[in-house]
Amino acid sequence: MYSKPLFIFTVIFSVACNNSATSLKEKNTTNVAAITKNIENPYKHINDIPLPEGYTRIEGENNSFAAWLENLQLKKNKTVYLFDGRVKTNQNSQFAVVDISIGDKDLQQCADAVMRLRAEYLFSGNRFDEISFSDNANTAYHFHQPYTKENLLKYLTGVFGMCGTSSLAKQLKQVNIEDIHAGDVLIRGGFPGHAIIVVDIAQNKAGKKIYLLAQSATPAQDVHVIVNPANPDLSPWYEVNDEKFIRTPEYIFLSTEFKEW
């Protein structure tokens, strides 16, 4: 019954967040840059992205991670750039680009972008003692003084080098898809693996939920809200349903792979 999806699942799993496989696709970007340079995004923040008819946003509680994500600023330019300034070859996966720095090293990839957003949220609320991530051996890396933005980025550079999808998947807790909130993470730990974060969520009067996803990938690139290739009519929103697979532009997850902080 699932022979075709499983085949696709296997192929995408083998290349996502994989340096050698992805880098081969990034050699020739001239034509892509010419095509994408004039594309603009009309929405200023995540919560400006339009909802399908009949849906209302589930607003995050004051000072929550969900509320912080919903107010993330978006870039006017919709082009996704790599850490070294090149244009990503695949410009079909993004709906909008989040206005957050990448750095100039190939470090802020998929799980790293998730950790960056979480750390930035905690930093914005002066919750410095809660900024901590663990590596695959469960060694914890705690943010320390001075509590400055410069030191936060320096700290995260070290975290990105030691932590990834495998360690982050261990750090997070399982959550059912029916119970997801903005801030939860769709993740498969592995070498390679992949991680995508829920940045907004809405619901209709019948209780049906939809959600937005954002990602970085390999090589390190702009964090971007992704489209829904399986349902262009609903895109960029994804629907909470009983399907086993969640097909994103560059990876296929199982619906059981949602986790929370």
C-alpha atoms as a PDB file:
ATOM      1  CA  MET A   1       0.000   0.000   0.000  1.00  0.00           C
ATOM      2  CA  TYR A   2       2.833   2.381   0.812  1.00  0.00           C
ATOM      3  CA  SER A   3       5.373   1.184  -1.735  1.00  0.00           C
ATOM      4  CA  LYS A   4       5.563   4.442  -3.713  1.00  0.00           C
ATOM      5  CA  PRO A   5       5.672   6.842  -0.708  1.00  0.00           C
ATOM      6  CA  LEU A   6       8.239   4.619   0.969  1.00  0.00           C
ATOM      7  CA  PHE A   7      10.395   4.757  -2.138  1.00  0.00           C
ATOM      8  CA  ILE A   8      10.251   8.551  -2.172  1.00  0.00           C
ATOM      9  CA  PHE A   9      10.812   8.604   1.579  1.00  0.00           C
ATOM     10  CA  THR A  10      14.005   6.558   1.182  1.00  0.00           C
ATOM     11  CA  VAL A  11      15.417   8.708  -1.591  1.00  0.00           C
ATOM     12  CA  ILE A  12      14.829  12.030   0.190  1.00  0.00           C
ATOM     13  CA  PHE A  13      16.038  10.647   3.500  1.00  0.00           C
ATOM     14  CA  SER A  14      19.338   9.728   1.858  1.00  0.00           C
ATOM     15  CA  VAL A  15      20.128  13.267   0.670  1.00  0.00           C
ATOM     16  CA  ALA A  16      18.537  15.790   3.075  1.00  0.00           C
ATOM     17  CA  CYS A  17      20.942  17.543   5.484  1.00  0.00           C
ATOM     18  CA  ASN A  18      23.801  15.755   3.728  1.00  0.00           C
ATOM     19  CA  ASN A  19      26.779  17.929   2.833  1.00  0.00           C
ATOM     20  CA  SER A  20      28.145  15.879  -0.049  1.00  0.00           C
ATOM     21  CA  ALA A  21      24.819  15.295  -1.766  1.00  0.00           C
ATOM     22  CA  THR A  22      23.532  18.838  -1.468  1.00  0.00           C
ATOM     23  CA  SER A  23      26.735  20.656  -2.342  1.00  0.00           C
ATOM     24  CA  LEU A  24      26.732  19.090  -5.789  1.00  0.00           C
ATOM     25  CA  LYS A  25      23.509  20.944  -6.509  1.00  0.00           C
ATOM     26  CA  GLU A  26      24.879  24.339  -5.508  1.00  0.00           C
ATOM     27  CA  LYS A  27      27.643  24.753  -8.117  1.00  0.00           C
ATOM     28  CA  ASN A  28      25.734  26.677 -10.774  1.00  0.00           C
ATOM     29  CA  THR A  29      23.475  29.416  -9.401  1.00  0.00           C
ATOM     30  CA  THR A  30      23.767  32.157 -12.034  1.00  0.00           C
ATOM     31  CA  ASN A  31      20.465  31.498 -13.759  1.00  0.00           C
ATOM     32  CA  VAL A  32      18.655  31.009 -10.472  1.00  0.00           C
ATOM     33  CA  ALA A  33      19.863  34.378  -9.188  1.00  0.00           C
ATOM     34  CA  ALA A  34      18.591  36.098 -12.314  1.00  0.00           C
ATOM     35  CA  ILE A  35      15.176  34.500 -11.923  1.00  0.00           C
ATOM     36  CA  THR A  36      14.704  35.187  -8.212  1.00  0.00           C
ATOM     37  CA  LYS A  37      16.299  38.585  -7.599  1.00  0.00           C
ATOM     38  CA  ASN A  38      13.095  40.564  -8.230  1.00  0.00           C
ATOM     39  CA  ILE A  39      10.707  38.337  -6.265  1.00  0.00           C
ATOM     40  CA  GLU A  40       9.269  40.177  -3.253  1.00  0.00           C
ATOM     41  CA  ASN A  41       7.307  39.076  -0.217  1.00  0.00           C
ATOM     42  CA  PRO A  42       4.348  41.335   0.748  1.00  0.00           C
ATOM     43  CA  TYR A  43       4.088  40.066   4.350  1.00  0.00           C
ATOM     44  CA  LYS A  44       6.096  41.675   7.168  1.00  0.00           C
ATOM     45  CA  HIS A  45       5.654  39.029   9.874  1.00  0.00           C
ATOM     46  CA  ILE A  46       4.700  35.360  10.207  1.00  0.00           C
ATOM     47  CA  ASN A  47       1.253  36.303  11.506  1.00  0.00           C
ATOM     48  CA  ASP A  48       0.624  38.413   8.395  1.00  0.00           C
ATOM     49  CA  ILE A  49       0.598  35.311   6.189  1.00  0.00           C
ATOM     50  CA  PRO A  50      -3.040  34.855   5.080  1.00  0.00           C
ATOM     51  CA  LEU A  51      -5.221  32.097   6.446  1.00  0.00           C
ATOM     52  CA  PRO A  52      -7.518  29.874   4.391  1.00  0.00           C
ATOM     53  CA  GLU A  53     -11.177  30.846   4.627  1.00  0.00           C
ATOM     54  CA  GLY A  54     -12.847  29.752   7.850  1.00  0.00           C
ATOM     55  CA  TYR A  55      -9.650  29.531   9.932  1.00  0.00           C
ATOM     56  CA  THR A  56      -8.547  31.626  12.908  1.00  0.00           C
ATOM     57  CA  ARG A  57      -5.054  31.763  14.378  1.00  0.00           C
ATOM     58  CA  ILE A  58      -4.486  30.121  17.738  1.00  0.00           C
ATOM     59  CA  GLU A  59      -2.673  32.988  19.422  1.00  0.00           C
ATOM     60  CA  GLY A  60       0.229  32.049  21.654  1.00  0.00           C
ATOM     61  CA  GLU A  61       0.056  33.085  25.298  1.00  0.00           C
ATOM     62  CA  ASN A  62       1.871  36.279  26.289  1.00  0.00           C
ATOM     63  CA  ASN A  63       5.649  35.820  26.394  1.00  0.00           C
ATOM     64  CA  SER A  64       5.376  32.270  25.018  1.00  0.00           C
ATOM     65  CA  PHE A  65       7.623  30.782  22.335  1.00  0.00           C
ATOM     66  CA  ALA A  66       4.540  30.472  20.123  1.00  0.00           C
ATOM     67  CA  ALA A  67       3.756  34.188  20.382  1.00  0.00           C
ATOM     68  CA  TRP A  68       7.389  35.104  19.705  1.00  0.00           C
ATOM     69  CA  LEU A  69       7.508  32.929  16.563  1.00  0.00           C
ATOM     70  CA  GLU A  70       4.242  34.336  15.221  1.00  0.00           C
ATOM     71  CA  ASN A  71       5.809  37.803  15.301  1.00  0.00           C
ATOM     72  CA  LEU A  72       9.029  36.866  13.519  1.00  0.00           C
ATOM     73  CA  GLN A  73       9.927  39.435  10.893  1.00  0.00           C
ATOM     74  CA  LEU A  74      10.097  38.343   7.255  1.00  0.00           C
ATOM     75  CA  LYS A  75      12.433  39.645   4.583  1.00  0.00           C
ATOM     76  CA  LYS A  76      11.022  41.537   1.632  1.00  0.00           C
ATOM     77  CA  ASN A  77      13.248  39.515  -0.681  1.00  0.00           C
ATOM     78  CA  LYS A  78      12.019  35.928  -1.071  1.00  0.00           C
ATOM     79  CA  THR A  79      15.345  34.554  -2.324  1.00  0.00           C
ATOM     80  CA  VAL A  80      17.055  31.961  -0.102  1.00  0.00           C
ATOM     81  CA  TYR A  81      20.811  32.539   0.169  1.00  0.00           C
ATOM     82  CA  LEU A  82      23.507  30.183   1.411  1.00  0.00           C
ATOM     83  CA  PHE A  83      25.978  31.090   4.160  1.00  0.00           C
ATOM     84  CA  ASP A  84      28.616  32.063   1.578  1.00  0.00           C
ATOM     85  CA  GLY A  85      26.344  34.454  -0.305  1.00  0.00           C
ATOM     86  CA  ARG A  86      25.426  32.139  -3.150  1.00  0.00           C
ATOM     87  CA  VAL A  87      21.795  31.709  -4.141  1.00  0.00           C
ATOM     88  CA  LYS A  88      20.353  28.319  -3.242  1.00  0.00           C
ATOM     89  CA  THR A  89      19.706  26.292  -6.368  1.00  0.00           C
ATOM     90  CA  ASN A  90      16.238  25.179  -5.313  1.00  0.00           C
ATOM     91  CA  GLN A  91      14.106  28.322  -5.037  1.00  0.00           C
ATOM     92  CA  ASN A  92      10.816  26.400  -5.091  1.00  0.00           C
ATOM     93  CA  SER A  93      10.655  25.375  -1.424  1.00  0.00           C
ATOM     94  CA  GLN A  94      10.109  28.755   0.261  1.00  0.00           C
ATOM     95  CA  PHE A  95       7.018  30.889   0.737  1.00  0.00           C
ATOM     96  CA  ALA A  96       8.885  33.589   2.645  1.00  0.00           C
ATOM     97  CA  VAL A  97      12.301  34.140   4.237  1.00  0.00           C
ATOM     98  CA  VAL A  98      12.755  34.852   7.955  1.00  0.00           C
ATOM     99  CA  ASP A  99      14.820  37.936   8.765  1.00  0.00           C
ATOM    100  CA  ILE A 100      17.532  36.296  10.848  1.00  0.00           C
ATOM    101  CA  SER A 101      21.251  36.039  10.137  1.00  0.00           C
ATOM    102  CA  ILE A 102      22.927  32.873   8.816  1.00  0.00           C
ATOM    103  CA  GLY A 103      26.538  33.543   9.737  1.00  0.00           C
ATOM    104  CA  ASP A 104      29.441  33.075   7.340  1.00  0.00           C
ATOM    105  CA  LYS A 105      30.167  29.422   8.122  1.00  0.00           C
ATOM    106  CA  ASP A 106      28.371  26.252   7.073  1.00  0.00           C
ATOM    107  CA  LEU A 107      26.977  25.708  10.571  1.00  0.00           C
ATOM    108  CA  GLN A 108      23.414  26.992  10.940  1.00  0.00           C
ATOM    109  CA  GLN A 109      21.723  24.098   9.182  1.00  0.00           C
ATOM    110  CA  CYS A 110      18.399  22.405   9.993  1.00  0.00           C
ATOM    111  CA  ALA A 111      18.519  21.552  13.717  1.00  0.00           C
ATOM    112  CA  ASP A 112      20.851  24.497  14.284  1.00  0.00           C
ATOM    113  CA  ALA A 113      18.224  26.946  12.997  1.00  0.00           C
ATOM    114  CA  VAL A 114      15.683  25.430  15.395  1.00  0.00           C
ATOM    115  CA  MET A 115      18.092  25.852  18.310  1.00  0.00           C
ATOM    116  CA  ARG A 116      18.912  29.403  17.163  1.00  0.00           C
ATOM    117  CA  LEU A 117      15.247  30.397  17.227  1.00  0.00           C
ATOM    118  CA  ARG A 118      14.739  28.831  20.643  1.00  0.00           C
ATOM    119  CA  ALA A 119      17.833  30.547  22.037  1.00  0.00           C
ATOM    120  CA  GLU A 120      16.862  33.925  20.561  1.00  0.00           C
ATOM    121  CA  TYR A 121      13.422  33.625  22.166  1.00  0.00           C
ATOM    122  CA  LEU A 122      14.837  32.823  25.608  1.00  0.00           C
ATOM    123  CA  PHE A 123      17.449  35.588  25.235  1.00  0.00           C
ATOM    124  CA  SER A 124      14.743  38.127  24.363  1.00  0.00           C
ATOM    125  CA  GLY A 125      13.000  37.347  27.664  1.00  0.00           C
ATOM    126  CA  ASN A 126      16.234  37.464  29.724  1.00  0.00           C
ATOM    127  CA  ARG A 127      15.819  33.747  30.466  1.00  0.00           C
ATOM    128  CA  PHE A 128      19.548  33.197  30.120  1.00  0.00           C
ATOM    129  CA  ASP A 129      19.776  30.211  32.485  1.00  0.00           C
ATOM    130  CA  GLU A 130      17.362  28.259  30.269  1.00  0.00           C
ATOM    131  CA  ILE A 131      19.552  28.513  27.176  1.00  0.00           C
ATOM    132  CA  SER A 132      21.118  25.064  27.127  1.00  0.00           C
ATOM    133  CA  PHE A 133      21.538  22.337  24.523  1.00  0.00           C
ATOM    134  CA  SER A 134      23.010  18.854  24.800  1.00  0.00           C
ATOM    135  CA  ASP A 135      25.190  16.860  22.429  1.00  0.00           C
ATOM    136  CA  ASN A 136      24.720  13.213  21.495  1.00  0.00           C
ATOM    137  CA  ALA A 137      26.563  12.092  24.634  1.00  0.00           C
ATOM    138  CA  ASN A 138      24.188  14.203  26.769  1.00  0.00           C
ATOM    139  CA  THR A 139      26.861  16.758  27.608  1.00  0.00           C
ATOM    140  CA  ALA A 140      25.057  20.038  28.252  1.00  0.00           C
ATOM    141  CA  TYR A 141      26.267  23.351  26.824  1.00  0.00           C
ATOM    142  CA  HIS A 142      24.951  26.254  28.907  1.00  0.00           C
ATOM    143  CA  PHE A 143      24.923  29.899  27.879  1.00  0.00           C
ATOM    144  CA  HIS A 144      27.063  31.971  30.210  1.00  0.00           C
ATOM    145  CA  GLN A 145      27.967  35.569  30.934  1.00  0.00           C
ATOM    146  CA  PRO A 146      28.364  38.116  29.506  1.00  0.00           C
ATOM    147  CA  TYR A 147      24.701  38.028  28.495  1.00  0.00           C
ATOM    148  CA  THR A 148      25.192  39.959  25.268  1.00  0.00           C
ATOM    149  CA  LYS A 149      23.977  39.267  21.730  1.00  0.00           C
ATOM    150  CA  GLU A 150      27.572  38.959  20.583  1.00  0.00           C
ATOM    151  CA  ASN A 151      28.291  36.289  23.182  1.00  0.00           C
ATOM    152  CA  LEU A 152      25.032  34.491  22.357  1.00  0.00           C
ATOM    153  CA  LEU A 153      26.081  34.117  18.719  1.00  0.00           C
ATOM    154  CA  LYS A 154      29.540  32.968  19.800  1.00  0.00           C
ATOM    155  CA  TYR A 155      27.955  30.411  22.134  1.00  0.00           C
ATOM    156  CA  LEU A 156      25.645  29.153  19.381  1.00  0.00           C
ATOM    157  CA  THR A 157      28.572  28.692  17.000  1.00  0.00           C
ATOM    158  CA  GLY A 158      29.982  26.193  19.482  1.00  0.00           C
ATOM    159  CA  VAL A 159      26.594  24.533  19.941  1.00  0.00           C
ATOM    160  CA  PHE A 160      26.131  24.144  16.184  1.00  0.00           C
ATOM    161  CA  GLY A 161      29.444  22.317  15.985  1.00  0.00           C
ATOM    162  CA  MET A 162      28.557  19.861  18.771  1.00  0.00           C
ATOM    163  CA  CYS A 163      24.777  19.358  18.487  1.00  0.00           C
ATOM    164  CA  GLY A 164      22.487  18.317  15.648  1.00  0.00           C
ATOM    165  CA  THR A 165      19.316  16.442  14.770  1.00  0.00           C
ATOM    166  CA  SER A 166      20.315  13.322  16.695  1.00  0.00           C
ATOM    167  CA  SER A 167      21.036  15.167  19.947  1.00  0.00           C
ATOM    168  CA  LEU A 168      18.110  17.582  19.618  1.00  0.00           C
ATOM    169  CA  ALA A 169      15.680  14.710  19.050  1.00  0.00           C
ATOM    170  CA  LYS A 170      16.867  13.230  22.361  1.00  0.00           C
ATOM    171  CA  GLN A 171      16.442  16.558  24.156  1.00  0.00           C
ATOM    172  CA  LEU A 172      12.845  17.075  23.008  1.00  0.00           C
ATOM    173  CA  LYS A 173       9.709  15.230  24.142  1.00  0.00           C
ATOM    174  CA  GLN A 174       7.254  13.341  21.949  1.00  0.00           C
ATOM    175  CA  VAL A 175       3.938  15.047  21.149  1.00  0.00           C
ATOM    176  CA  ASN A 176       0.952  13.841  19.133  1.00  0.00           C
ATOM    177  CA  ILE A 177       0.243  15.722  15.923  1.00  0.00           C
ATOM    178  CA  GLU A 178      -3.262  16.567  17.194  1.00  0.00           C
ATOM    179  CA  ASP A 179      -1.702  18.436  20.134  1.00  0.00           C
ATOM    180  CA  ILE A 180       0.995  20.447  18.353  1.00  0.00           C
ATOM    181  CA  HIS A 181       1.596  24.145  19.012  1.00  0.00           C
ATOM    182  CA  ALA A 182       3.794  26.782  17.420  1.00  0.00           C
ATOM    183  CA  GLY A 183       7.322  26.067  18.623  1.00  0.00           C
ATOM    184  CA  ASP A 184       7.060  22.301  18.312  1.00  0.00           C
ATOM    185  CA  VAL A 185       9.548  20.554  16.054  1.00  0.00           C
ATOM    186  CA  LEU A 186       9.119  17.995  13.281  1.00  0.00           C
ATOM    187  CA  ILE A 187      12.374  16.062  13.596  1.00  0.00           C
ATOM    188  CA  ARG A 188      14.149  12.869  12.669  1.00  0.00           C
ATOM    189  CA  GLY A 189      17.446  12.465  14.435  1.00  0.00           C
ATOM    190  CA  GLY A 190      20.195  10.884  12.403  1.00  0.00           C
ATOM    191  CA  PHE A 191      23.322  11.246  10.309  1.00  0.00           C
ATOM    192  CA  PRO A 192      21.823  12.771   8.247  1.00  0.00           C
ATOM    193  CA  GLY A 193      18.451  13.706   9.698  1.00  0.00           C
ATOM    194  CA  HIS A 194      16.271  16.775   9.369  1.00  0.00           C
ATOM    195  CA  ALA A 195      14.382  19.219  11.594  1.00  0.00           C
ATOM    196  CA  ILE A 196      11.637  21.742  10.821  1.00  0.00           C
ATOM    197  CA  ILE A 197       9.859  24.027  13.285  1.00  0.00           C
ATOM    198  CA  VAL A 198       6.160  24.884  13.563  1.00  0.00           C
ATOM    199  CA  VAL A 199       5.960  28.703  13.454  1.00  0.00           C
ATOM    200  CA  ASP A 200       2.193  29.291  13.402  1.00  0.00           C
ATOM    201  CA  ILE A 201      -1.033  27.363  13.870  1.00  0.00           C
ATOM    202  CA  ALA A 202      -4.733  27.957  13.187  1.00  0.00           C
ATOM    203  CA  GLN A 203      -8.051  26.194  13.601  1.00  0.00           C
ATOM    204  CA  ASN A 204     -11.561  26.330  12.131  1.00  0.00           C
ATOM    205  CA  LYS A 205     -14.918  26.021  13.896  1.00  0.00           C
ATOM    206  CA  ALA A 206     -14.971  22.269  13.303  1.00  0.00           C
ATOM    207  CA  GLY A 207     -11.682  21.940  15.227  1.00  0.00           C
ATOM    208  CA  LYS A 208      -9.533  21.193  12.172  1.00  0.00           C
ATOM    209  CA  LYS A 209      -5.954  22.447  12.667  1.00  0.00           C
ATOM    210  CA  ILE A 210      -3.451  23.765  10.148  1.00  0.00           C
ATOM    211  CA  TYR A 211       0.139  24.853  10.705  1.00  0.00           C
ATOM    212  CA  LEU A 212       3.099  26.628   9.094  1.00  0.00           C
ATOM    213  CA  LEU A 213       6.610  25.161   8.963  1.00  0.00           C
ATOM    214  CA  ALA A 214      10.018  26.833   8.670  1.00  0.00           C
ATOM    215  CA  GLN A 215      13.433  25.333   8.016  1.00  0.00           C
ATOM    216  CA  SER A 216      17.080  25.767   7.230  1.00  0.00           C
ATOM    217  CA  ALA A 217      18.990  22.937   5.554  1.00  0.00           C
ATOM    218  CA  THR A 218      22.385  21.891   4.230  1.00  0.00           C
ATOM    219  CA  PRO A 219      24.401  23.866   3.262  1.00  0.00           C
ATOM    220  CA  ALA A 220      23.548  26.462   5.931  1.00  0.00           C
ATOM    221  CA  GLN A 221      20.993  28.845   4.454  1.00  0.00           C
ATOM    222  CA  ASP A 222      18.340  31.428   5.216  1.00  0.00           C
ATOM    223  CA  VAL A 223      15.588  30.173   7.506  1.00  0.00           C
ATOM    224  CA  HIS A 224      12.451  30.095   5.380  1.00  0.00           C
ATOM    225  CA  VAL A 225       8.742  29.318   5.662  1.00  0.00           C
ATOM    226  CA  ILE A 226       8.178  26.360   3.357  1.00  0.00           C
ATOM    227  CA  VAL A 227       5.415  25.655   0.862  1.00  0.00           C
ATOM    228  CA  ASN A 228       3.180  22.578   0.950  1.00  0.00           C
ATOM    229  CA  PRO A 229       3.967  20.532  -2.181  1.00  0.00           C
ATOM    230  CA  ALA A 230       1.318  17.914  -1.347  1.00  0.00           C
ATOM    231  CA  ASN A 231      -1.534  20.431  -1.200  1.00  0.00           C
ATOM    232  CA  PRO A 232      -0.904  23.547  -3.347  1.00  0.00           C
ATOM    233  CA  ASP A 233      -4.425  24.823  -2.647  1.00  0.00           C
ATOM    234  CA  LEU A 234      -3.707  24.963   1.091  1.00  0.00           C
ATOM    235  CA  SER A 235      -0.023  25.958   0.770  1.00  0.00           C
ATOM    236  CA  PRO A 236       1.905  27.214   2.659  1.00  0.00           C
ATOM    237  CA  TRP A 237      -0.302  25.753   5.372  1.00  0.00           C
ATOM    238  CA  TYR A 238      -0.230  22.057   6.336  1.00  0.00           C
ATOM    239  CA  GLU A 239      -3.252  20.174   7.641  1.00  0.00           C
ATOM    240  CA  VAL A 240      -3.398  18.035  10.764  1.00  0.00           C
ATOM    241  CA  ASN A 241      -4.921  14.786   9.476  1.00  0.00           C
ATOM    242  CA  ASP A 242      -4.590  11.010   9.745  1.00  0.00           C
ATOM    243  CA  GLU A 243      -2.094  10.583   6.905  1.00  0.00           C
ATOM    244  CA  LYS A 244       1.055   8.672   7.840  1.00  0.00           C
ATOM    245  CA  PHE A 245       3.498  10.847   5.901  1.00  0.00           C
ATOM    246  CA  ILE A 246       4.121  14.600   5.900  1.00  0.00           C
ATOM    247  CA  ARG A 247       5.652  15.591   2.592  1.00  0.00           C
ATOM    248  CA  THR A 248       7.702  18.795   2.696  1.00  0.00           C
ATOM    249  CA  PRO A 249       9.589  20.262  -0.293  1.00  0.00           C
ATOM    250  CA  GLU A 250      12.888  18.536   0.503  1.00  0.00           C
ATOM    251  CA  TYR A 251      12.045  15.800   3.005  1.00  0.00           C
ATOM    252  CA  ILE A 252       9.294  13.374   3.954  1.00  0.00           C
ATOM    253  CA  PHE A 253       8.554  12.869   7.648  1.00  0.00           C
ATOM    254  CA  LEU A 254       6.294  10.514   9.544  1.00  0.00           C
ATOM    255  CA  SER A 255       3.369  12.209  11.281  1.00  0.00           C
ATOM    256  CA  THR A 256       4.630  10.657  14.541  1.00  0.00           C
ATOM    257  CA  GLU A 257       7.857  12.678  14.467  1.00  0.00           C
ATOM    258  CA  PHE A 258       6.612  15.849  16.187  1.00  0.00           C
ATOM    259  CA  LYS A 259       8.323  16.827  19.425  1.00  0.00           C
ATOM    260  CA  GLU A 260       8.007  19.654  21.963  1.00  0.00           C
ATOM    261  CA  TRP A 261      10.364  21.482  24.332  1.00  0.00           C
END
